[in-house]
Amino acid sequence: MGRTSAPESGLLLVSSFSRYPEAIEWARVSIDLFWGPVALESPPLPFGETRYYEPTMGTDLQLRIFCAKERLAPDLLANLKIWTNRLEEIYAEASHHREVRPLNLDPGFLTPAKFVLATTKDASHRIHLHSGIYAEVTLAYEH
């Protein structure tokens, strides 16, 4: 019989993209205030892999990934996605951008074995956590 154990915590990563640099900076400050200091961040990267977001976010999207200093317990991932969804709403309401969704935030965690992202979209390979939030192993590591 297997024995239960506490899951390994992971590095909290938040993918942030928008056509507005000020929206991404606002997200960074929000992460700092809520979760603690951002330890690492990517440079701005072009986000053109899909046109899925264009109707609600526009074109010329830029992506930045933030890694928080504090680690994330996996069972907090759904709550974190609910929080980032609320941050998106707050920014959309407070900003005067013409897009319906001027900011997209996708939280996840990274361990030596995997990279897991949270999403609100169900699919055959995603597991429901709670409250309409699903987890997806986006990348797995072996050896």
C-alpha atoms as a PDB file:
ATOM      1  CA  MET A   1       0.000   0.000   0.000  1.00  0.00           C
ATOM      2  CA  GLY A   2       1.268   3.457  -0.860  1.00  0.00           C
ATOM      3  CA  ARG A   3       1.820   6.015   1.855  1.00  0.00           C
ATOM      4  CA  THR A   4       0.654   9.570   1.489  1.00  0.00           C
ATOM      5  CA  SER A   5       3.109  12.410   1.785  1.00  0.00           C
ATOM      6  CA  ALA A   6       3.030  16.144   1.443  1.00  0.00           C
ATOM      7  CA  PRO A   7       3.364  17.301  -2.157  1.00  0.00           C
ATOM      8  CA  GLU A   8       6.489  19.114  -3.221  1.00  0.00           C
ATOM      9  CA  SER A   9       6.074  22.857  -3.417  1.00  0.00           C
ATOM     10  CA  GLY A  10       7.137  24.563  -6.597  1.00  0.00           C
ATOM     11  CA  LEU A  11       8.286  27.866  -7.917  1.00  0.00           C
ATOM     12  CA  LEU A  12       5.348  30.147  -8.554  1.00  0.00           C
ATOM     13  CA  LEU A  13       5.388  31.393 -12.136  1.00  0.00           C
ATOM     14  CA  VAL A  14       2.898  33.863 -13.547  1.00  0.00           C
ATOM     15  CA  SER A  15       2.691  34.388 -17.269  1.00  0.00           C
ATOM     16  CA  SER A  16       1.501  37.905 -18.028  1.00  0.00           C
ATOM     17  CA  PHE A  17       0.680  39.206 -21.457  1.00  0.00           C
ATOM     18  CA  SER A  18      -0.850  42.326 -22.878  1.00  0.00           C
ATOM     19  CA  ARG A  19      -0.315  44.896 -25.596  1.00  0.00           C
ATOM     20  CA  TYR A  20       0.177  47.470 -22.827  1.00  0.00           C
ATOM     21  CA  PRO A  21       3.511  47.504 -20.940  1.00  0.00           C
ATOM     22  CA  GLU A  22       1.828  49.371 -18.072  1.00  0.00           C
ATOM     23  CA  ALA A  23      -0.628  46.473 -17.636  1.00  0.00           C
ATOM     24  CA  ILE A  24       2.216  43.989 -17.309  1.00  0.00           C
ATOM     25  CA  GLU A  25       4.006  46.247 -14.836  1.00  0.00           C
ATOM     26  CA  TRP A  26       0.774  46.570 -12.839  1.00  0.00           C
ATOM     27  CA  ALA A  27       0.614  42.763 -12.721  1.00  0.00           C
ATOM     28  CA  ARG A  28       4.197  42.589 -11.460  1.00  0.00           C
ATOM     29  CA  VAL A  29       3.472  45.053  -8.659  1.00  0.00           C
ATOM     30  CA  SER A  30       0.310  43.108  -7.749  1.00  0.00           C
ATOM     31  CA  ILE A  31       2.283  39.852  -7.515  1.00  0.00           C
ATOM     32  CA  ASP A  32       4.839  41.593  -5.284  1.00  0.00           C
ATOM     33  CA  LEU A  33       2.091  42.870  -2.976  1.00  0.00           C
ATOM     34  CA  PHE A  34       0.101  39.634  -2.786  1.00  0.00           C
ATOM     35  CA  TRP A  35       2.676  36.865  -2.981  1.00  0.00           C
ATOM     36  CA  GLY A  36       5.949  38.535  -2.095  1.00  0.00           C
ATOM     37  CA  PRO A  37       8.860  39.754  -4.134  1.00  0.00           C
ATOM     38  CA  VAL A  38       9.390  38.692  -7.710  1.00  0.00           C
ATOM     39  CA  ALA A  39      12.759  36.925  -7.758  1.00  0.00           C
ATOM     40  CA  LEU A  40      13.172  36.540 -11.516  1.00  0.00           C
ATOM     41  CA  GLU A  41      11.452  37.888 -14.580  1.00  0.00           C
ATOM     42  CA  SER A  42      11.805  37.390 -18.271  1.00  0.00           C
ATOM     43  CA  PRO A  43      12.420  40.225 -20.679  1.00  0.00           C
ATOM     44  CA  PRO A  44       9.427  41.264 -22.792  1.00  0.00           C
ATOM     45  CA  LEU A  45       8.850  38.647 -25.467  1.00  0.00           C
ATOM     46  CA  PRO A  46       6.570  38.811 -28.507  1.00  0.00           C
ATOM     47  CA  PHE A  47       3.444  36.680 -28.062  1.00  0.00           C
ATOM     48  CA  GLY A  48       2.379  35.610 -31.522  1.00  0.00           C
ATOM     49  CA  GLU A  49       1.972  31.864 -31.237  1.00  0.00           C
ATOM     50  CA  THR A  50      -1.793  32.018 -31.651  1.00  0.00           C
ATOM     51  CA  ARG A  51      -4.479  34.437 -32.787  1.00  0.00           C
ATOM     52  CA  TYR A  52      -6.894  33.061 -30.165  1.00  0.00           C
ATOM     53  CA  TYR A  53      -6.624  36.161 -27.955  1.00  0.00           C
ATOM     54  CA  GLU A  54      -6.885  38.830 -30.675  1.00  0.00           C
ATOM     55  CA  PRO A  55     -10.694  39.356 -30.455  1.00  0.00           C
ATOM     56  CA  THR A  56     -10.528  40.256 -26.754  1.00  0.00           C
ATOM     57  CA  MET A  57      -6.936  41.482 -26.340  1.00  0.00           C
ATOM     58  CA  GLY A  58      -5.889  42.954 -29.676  1.00  0.00           C
ATOM     59  CA  THR A  59      -2.645  42.395 -31.570  1.00  0.00           C
ATOM     60  CA  ASP A  60       1.041  42.982 -30.838  1.00  0.00           C
ATOM     61  CA  LEU A  61       0.893  41.201 -27.493  1.00  0.00           C
ATOM     62  CA  GLN A  62       3.974  41.056 -25.289  1.00  0.00           C
ATOM     63  CA  LEU A  63       4.660  38.322 -22.734  1.00  0.00           C
ATOM     64  CA  ARG A  64       6.595  38.462 -19.491  1.00  0.00           C
ATOM     65  CA  ILE A  65       6.981  35.649 -16.992  1.00  0.00           C
ATOM     66  CA  PHE A  66       7.437  36.406 -13.315  1.00  0.00           C
ATOM     67  CA  CYS A  67       8.864  33.967 -10.789  1.00  0.00           C
ATOM     68  CA  ALA A  68       8.052  34.712  -7.174  1.00  0.00           C
ATOM     69  CA  LYS A  69      10.622  34.252  -4.430  1.00  0.00           C
ATOM     70  CA  GLU A  70       8.133  32.346  -2.256  1.00  0.00           C
ATOM     71  CA  ARG A  71       7.284  28.785  -3.257  1.00  0.00           C
ATOM     72  CA  LEU A  72       3.756  27.578  -4.002  1.00  0.00           C
ATOM     73  CA  ALA A  73       2.051  24.563  -2.444  1.00  0.00           C
ATOM     74  CA  PRO A  74       0.270  22.775  -5.322  1.00  0.00           C
ATOM     75  CA  ASP A  75      -3.073  22.758  -3.506  1.00  0.00           C
ATOM     76  CA  LEU A  76      -3.111  26.578  -3.683  1.00  0.00           C
ATOM     77  CA  LEU A  77      -3.000  26.674  -7.488  1.00  0.00           C
ATOM     78  CA  ALA A  78      -6.770  26.923  -8.028  1.00  0.00           C
ATOM     79  CA  ASN A  79      -7.090  29.749  -5.494  1.00  0.00           C
ATOM     80  CA  LEU A  80      -4.217  31.532  -7.168  1.00  0.00           C
ATOM     81  CA  LYS A  81      -5.947  31.269 -10.564  1.00  0.00           C
ATOM     82  CA  ILE A  82      -9.136  32.693  -9.039  1.00  0.00           C
ATOM     83  CA  TRP A  83      -7.037  35.563  -7.663  1.00  0.00           C
ATOM     84  CA  THR A  84      -5.335  36.241 -11.013  1.00  0.00           C
ATOM     85  CA  ASN A  85      -8.727  36.177 -12.768  1.00  0.00           C
ATOM     86  CA  ARG A  86      -9.911  38.815 -10.313  1.00  0.00           C
ATOM     87  CA  LEU A  87      -6.783  40.883 -10.953  1.00  0.00           C
ATOM     88  CA  GLU A  88      -7.577  40.799 -14.675  1.00  0.00           C
ATOM     89  CA  GLU A  89     -11.089  42.084 -13.929  1.00  0.00           C
ATOM     90  CA  ILE A  90      -9.820  44.837 -11.625  1.00  0.00           C
ATOM     91  CA  TYR A  91      -7.336  46.034 -14.219  1.00  0.00           C
ATOM     92  CA  ALA A  92      -9.916  45.946 -17.030  1.00  0.00           C
ATOM     93  CA  GLU A  93     -12.364  47.990 -14.940  1.00  0.00           C
ATOM     94  CA  ALA A  94      -9.753  50.521 -13.795  1.00  0.00           C
ATOM     95  CA  SER A  95      -7.972  51.029 -17.116  1.00  0.00           C
ATOM     96  CA  HIS A  96      -9.353  52.907 -20.066  1.00  0.00           C
ATOM     97  CA  HIS A  97      -8.144  50.499 -22.728  1.00  0.00           C
ATOM     98  CA  ARG A  98     -10.534  49.686 -25.543  1.00  0.00           C
ATOM     99  CA  GLU A  99     -10.021  45.901 -25.314  1.00  0.00           C
ATOM    100  CA  VAL A 100     -12.382  43.760 -23.252  1.00  0.00           C
ATOM    101  CA  ARG A 101      -9.397  41.935 -21.769  1.00  0.00           C
ATOM    102  CA  PRO A 102      -6.318  44.150 -21.731  1.00  0.00           C
ATOM    103  CA  LEU A 103      -4.380  41.800 -19.427  1.00  0.00           C
ATOM    104  CA  ASN A 104      -4.030  38.008 -19.221  1.00  0.00           C
ATOM    105  CA  LEU A 105      -2.492  36.288 -16.194  1.00  0.00           C
ATOM    106  CA  ASP A 106      -1.805  32.559 -16.050  1.00  0.00           C
ATOM    107  CA  PRO A 107      -0.325  31.155 -12.833  1.00  0.00           C
ATOM    108  CA  GLY A 108       1.505  27.874 -12.527  1.00  0.00           C
ATOM    109  CA  PHE A 109       4.248  26.138 -10.638  1.00  0.00           C
ATOM    110  CA  LEU A 110       7.519  24.522 -11.582  1.00  0.00           C
ATOM    111  CA  THR A 111       9.116  21.550  -9.817  1.00  0.00           C
ATOM    112  CA  PRO A 112      12.052  19.389 -10.908  1.00  0.00           C
ATOM    113  CA  ALA A 113       9.491  16.966 -12.373  1.00  0.00           C
ATOM    114  CA  LYS A 114       6.941  19.212 -14.087  1.00  0.00           C
ATOM    115  CA  PHE A 115       5.502  22.559 -15.027  1.00  0.00           C
ATOM    116  CA  VAL A 116       1.792  22.884 -14.196  1.00  0.00           C
ATOM    117  CA  LEU A 117      -0.494  25.684 -15.357  1.00  0.00           C
ATOM    118  CA  ALA A 118      -3.958  26.599 -14.112  1.00  0.00           C
ATOM    119  CA  THR A 119      -6.769  27.287 -16.552  1.00  0.00           C
ATOM    120  CA  THR A 120     -10.520  27.789 -16.646  1.00  0.00           C
ATOM    121  CA  LYS A 121     -10.852  25.728 -19.823  1.00  0.00           C
ATOM    122  CA  ASP A 122     -11.645  22.030 -19.487  1.00  0.00           C
ATOM    123  CA  ALA A 123     -10.085  19.483 -21.840  1.00  0.00           C
ATOM    124  CA  SER A 124      -9.515  15.731 -21.810  1.00  0.00           C
ATOM    125  CA  HIS A 125      -5.997  16.068 -20.381  1.00  0.00           C
ATOM    126  CA  ARG A 126      -6.874  18.577 -17.639  1.00  0.00           C
ATOM    127  CA  ILE A 127      -7.905  17.764 -14.085  1.00  0.00           C
ATOM    128  CA  HIS A 128     -10.540  19.789 -12.253  1.00  0.00           C
ATOM    129  CA  LEU A 129      -9.198  21.172  -8.981  1.00  0.00           C
ATOM    130  CA  HIS A 130     -12.176  23.156  -7.688  1.00  0.00           C
ATOM    131  CA  SER A 131     -14.422  26.095  -8.541  1.00  0.00           C
ATOM    132  CA  GLY A 132     -14.077  25.609 -12.311  1.00  0.00           C
ATOM    133  CA  ILE A 133     -10.277  25.683 -12.251  1.00  0.00           C
ATOM    134  CA  TYR A 134      -8.294  22.957 -14.004  1.00  0.00           C
ATOM    135  CA  ALA A 135      -4.636  21.958 -13.866  1.00  0.00           C
ATOM    136  CA  GLU A 136      -2.570  20.975 -16.856  1.00  0.00           C
ATOM    137  CA  VAL A 137       0.873  19.414 -16.810  1.00  0.00           C
ATOM    138  CA  THR A 138       2.306  21.565 -19.568  1.00  0.00           C
ATOM    139  CA  LEU A 139       5.805  20.138 -19.446  1.00  0.00           C
ATOM    140  CA  ALA A 140       7.207  16.987 -17.813  1.00  0.00           C
ATOM    141  CA  TYR A 141      10.847  16.255 -17.068  1.00  0.00           C
ATOM    142  CA  GLU A 142      12.476  12.846 -17.082  1.00  0.00           C
ATOM    143  CA  HIS A 143      15.989  11.743 -16.137  1.00  0.00           C
END
